[in-house]
Amino acid sequence: MAQQRRLDTYERSGLWQDGTTARPPPEGVVAQGDLAREAAAAAPPPATPALLARGEAQYAIFCTPCHGAAGAGDGMIVRHGFPAPPSYHTTRLRAAPARHFYDVIGDGYGVMYGYGDRLAPPDRWAVVAYIRALQLSRLPRAAEAAP
């Protein structure tokens, strides 16, 4: 029992018609936890002071080195030669849906590393809320706008 015959993952085998030991998952299989992760990613939570505080803390840890404290894409890593990320204050990113930021944080984009294994979905939404707050902080107030 301690020493049973086994097959390595990519070893040739005569057990199945395709000749391999690696088996595709059955149709319709969902990885454990995927449904819960998808539910958490479906819609952002309401913005609260606690959510923004959590987002600010996570942003300072994970985002500030490249994106800078104000989200202008001028972080310390950029000053040392790493390619600059786009500013959050561009028209394109101000118009981007919240899910775009959520997906980029989790999966990465371009040279940006994905933080899906470091930031849980609630923390990603908190960072997205904080990014939106940064974007709103740069918009002119109605009293300052020209008539």
Protein backbone atom coordinates (compact mmCIF):
# COMPACT_ATOMS: atom_id res chain seq x y z
CA MET A 1 0.00 0.00 0.00
CA ALA A 2 2.88 2.39 0.71
CA GLN A 3 4.38 1.86 -2.73
CA GLN A 4 1.61 1.81 -5.29
CA ARG A 5 2.07 2.15 -9.01
CA ARG A 6 1.22 5.67 -10.08
CA LEU A 7 1.29 7.78 -13.21
CA ASP A 8 2.97 11.19 -13.46
CA THR A 9 0.88 14.05 -14.81
CA TYR A 10 2.26 14.16 -18.36
CA GLU A 11 3.30 10.51 -18.61
CA ARG A 12 2.02 8.48 -21.54
CA SER A 13 -0.70 6.05 -20.57
CA GLY A 14 -2.80 3.44 -22.25
CA LEU A 15 -5.73 3.92 -19.87
CA TRP A 16 -7.42 6.61 -21.97
CA GLN A 17 -7.83 6.99 -25.69
CA ASP A 18 -5.83 10.22 -25.94
CA GLY A 19 -2.78 8.46 -24.42
CA THR A 20 -2.11 10.99 -21.64
CA THR A 21 -2.56 10.84 -17.89
CA ALA A 22 -3.53 14.51 -17.57
CA ARG A 23 -7.32 14.64 -17.57
CA PRO A 24 -9.37 17.70 -18.44
CA PRO A 25 -11.93 18.70 -15.80
CA PRO A 26 -15.47 17.49 -16.47
CA GLU A 27 -17.73 19.94 -18.25
CA GLY A 28 -19.44 22.41 -15.93
CA VAL A 29 -16.92 22.06 -13.09
CA VAL A 30 -16.40 25.19 -11.01
CA ALA A 31 -13.23 25.59 -8.95
CA GLN A 32 -13.74 25.71 -5.20
CA GLY A 33 -14.38 29.28 -4.11
CA ASP A 34 -14.96 30.68 -7.62
CA LEU A 35 -18.65 31.33 -7.06
CA ALA A 36 -17.97 33.25 -3.85
CA ARG A 37 -15.20 35.27 -5.53
CA GLU A 38 -17.46 36.07 -8.47
CA ALA A 39 -20.24 37.18 -6.12
CA ALA A 40 -17.81 39.47 -4.28
CA ALA A 41 -16.66 40.94 -7.59
CA ALA A 42 -20.16 41.46 -8.96
CA ALA A 43 -20.88 44.86 -7.49
CA PRO A 44 -18.97 47.35 -5.37
CA PRO A 45 -20.07 47.88 -1.79
CA PRO A 46 -21.49 51.27 -0.79
CA ALA A 47 -18.84 53.89 -0.07
CA THR A 48 -18.50 54.50 3.64
CA PRO A 49 -15.83 56.27 5.70
CA ALA A 50 -14.59 52.87 6.90
CA LEU A 51 -14.32 51.57 3.33
CA LEU A 52 -12.40 54.67 2.23
CA ALA A 53 -10.06 54.39 5.22
CA ARG A 54 -9.37 50.75 4.37
CA GLY A 55 -8.84 51.70 0.73
CA GLU A 56 -6.43 54.46 1.65
CA ALA A 57 -4.40 52.07 3.82
CA GLN A 58 -4.24 49.38 1.12
CA TYR A 59 -3.49 51.98 -1.57
CA ALA A 60 -0.56 53.28 0.49
CA ILE A 61 0.85 49.76 0.77
CA PHE A 62 0.34 48.41 -2.74
CA CYS A 63 -0.24 51.34 -5.11
CA THR A 64 1.76 54.34 -3.91
CA PRO A 65 5.18 53.00 -4.98
CA CYS A 66 4.18 53.27 -8.65
CA HIS A 67 1.05 55.45 -8.80
CA GLY A 68 2.14 58.02 -6.20
CA ALA A 69 0.20 59.31 -3.22
CA ALA A 70 -2.09 61.47 -5.37
CA GLY A 71 -2.53 58.93 -8.19
CA ALA A 72 -0.59 60.95 -10.75
CA GLY A 73 1.67 58.04 -11.77
CA ASP A 74 4.77 59.58 -10.19
CA GLY A 75 5.65 57.12 -7.45
CA MET A 76 9.11 56.33 -6.12
CA ILE A 77 9.58 53.33 -8.43
CA VAL A 78 8.92 55.56 -11.44
CA ARG A 79 11.57 58.01 -10.22
CA HIS A 80 14.03 55.13 -10.30
CA GLY A 81 13.38 54.27 -13.95
CA PHE A 82 10.34 51.98 -13.96
CA PRO A 83 7.76 52.84 -16.67
CA ALA A 84 5.22 55.37 -15.43
CA PRO A 85 1.64 54.16 -15.06
CA PRO A 86 -1.11 56.44 -16.36
CA SER A 87 -2.47 59.09 -14.05
CA TYR A 88 -5.86 58.30 -12.51
CA HIS A 89 -6.83 61.88 -13.39
CA THR A 90 -6.89 61.40 -17.16
CA THR A 91 -10.24 61.67 -18.89
CA ARG A 92 -10.06 58.02 -19.95
CA LEU A 93 -9.57 56.69 -16.43
CA ARG A 94 -12.09 59.07 -14.87
CA ALA A 95 -14.66 57.64 -17.31
CA ALA A 96 -13.61 54.01 -16.74
CA PRO A 97 -16.09 51.84 -14.83
CA ALA A 98 -15.20 50.80 -11.30
CA ARG A 99 -14.95 47.16 -12.43
CA HIS A 100 -12.05 48.14 -14.71
CA PHE A 101 -9.95 49.16 -11.70
CA TYR A 102 -11.06 46.10 -9.76
CA ASP A 103 -9.97 43.81 -12.61
CA VAL A 104 -6.65 45.59 -13.16
CA ILE A 105 -5.83 45.39 -9.45
CA GLY A 106 -6.54 41.66 -9.45
CA ASP A 107 -5.12 40.64 -12.82
CA GLY A 108 -2.56 43.34 -13.62
CA TYR A 109 -2.27 45.25 -16.87
CA GLY A 110 0.72 45.91 -19.11
CA VAL A 111 3.78 45.92 -16.87
CA MET A 112 1.66 46.12 -13.72
CA TYR A 113 1.78 42.99 -11.61
CA GLY A 114 -1.57 41.48 -10.61
CA TYR A 115 -2.39 41.73 -6.90
CA GLY A 116 -5.27 39.24 -6.88
CA ASP A 117 -3.40 36.93 -4.52
CA ARG A 118 -2.52 39.79 -2.13
CA LEU A 119 -5.72 41.83 -2.10
CA ALA A 120 -8.98 40.07 -1.32
CA PRO A 121 -12.06 41.25 -3.26
CA PRO A 122 -13.33 43.51 -0.43
CA ASP A 123 -9.92 45.18 -0.23
CA ARG A 124 -9.83 45.64 -4.01
CA TRP A 125 -13.20 47.39 -3.84
CA ALA A 126 -11.87 49.55 -1.00
CA VAL A 127 -8.91 50.59 -3.16
CA VAL A 128 -11.27 51.33 -6.07
CA ALA A 129 -13.35 53.56 -3.77
CA TYR A 130 -10.21 55.38 -2.70
CA ILE A 131 -9.10 55.84 -6.33
CA ARG A 132 -12.51 57.37 -7.06
CA ALA A 133 -12.01 59.70 -4.07
CA LEU A 134 -8.61 60.72 -5.47
CA GLN A 135 -10.23 61.41 -8.84
CA LEU A 136 -12.98 63.50 -7.25
CA SER A 137 -10.41 65.49 -5.28
CA ARG A 138 -8.97 66.87 -8.53
CA LEU A 139 -12.26 67.94 -10.08
CA PRO A 140 -13.13 71.64 -9.82
CA ARG A 141 -15.89 72.52 -7.37
CA ALA A 142 -19.05 74.07 -8.74
CA ALA A 143 -18.24 77.41 -7.08
CA GLU A 144 -14.82 77.46 -8.77
CA ALA A 145 -16.11 76.57 -12.23
CA ALA A 146 -16.51 79.36 -14.75
CA PRO A 147 -20.16 80.29 -15.45
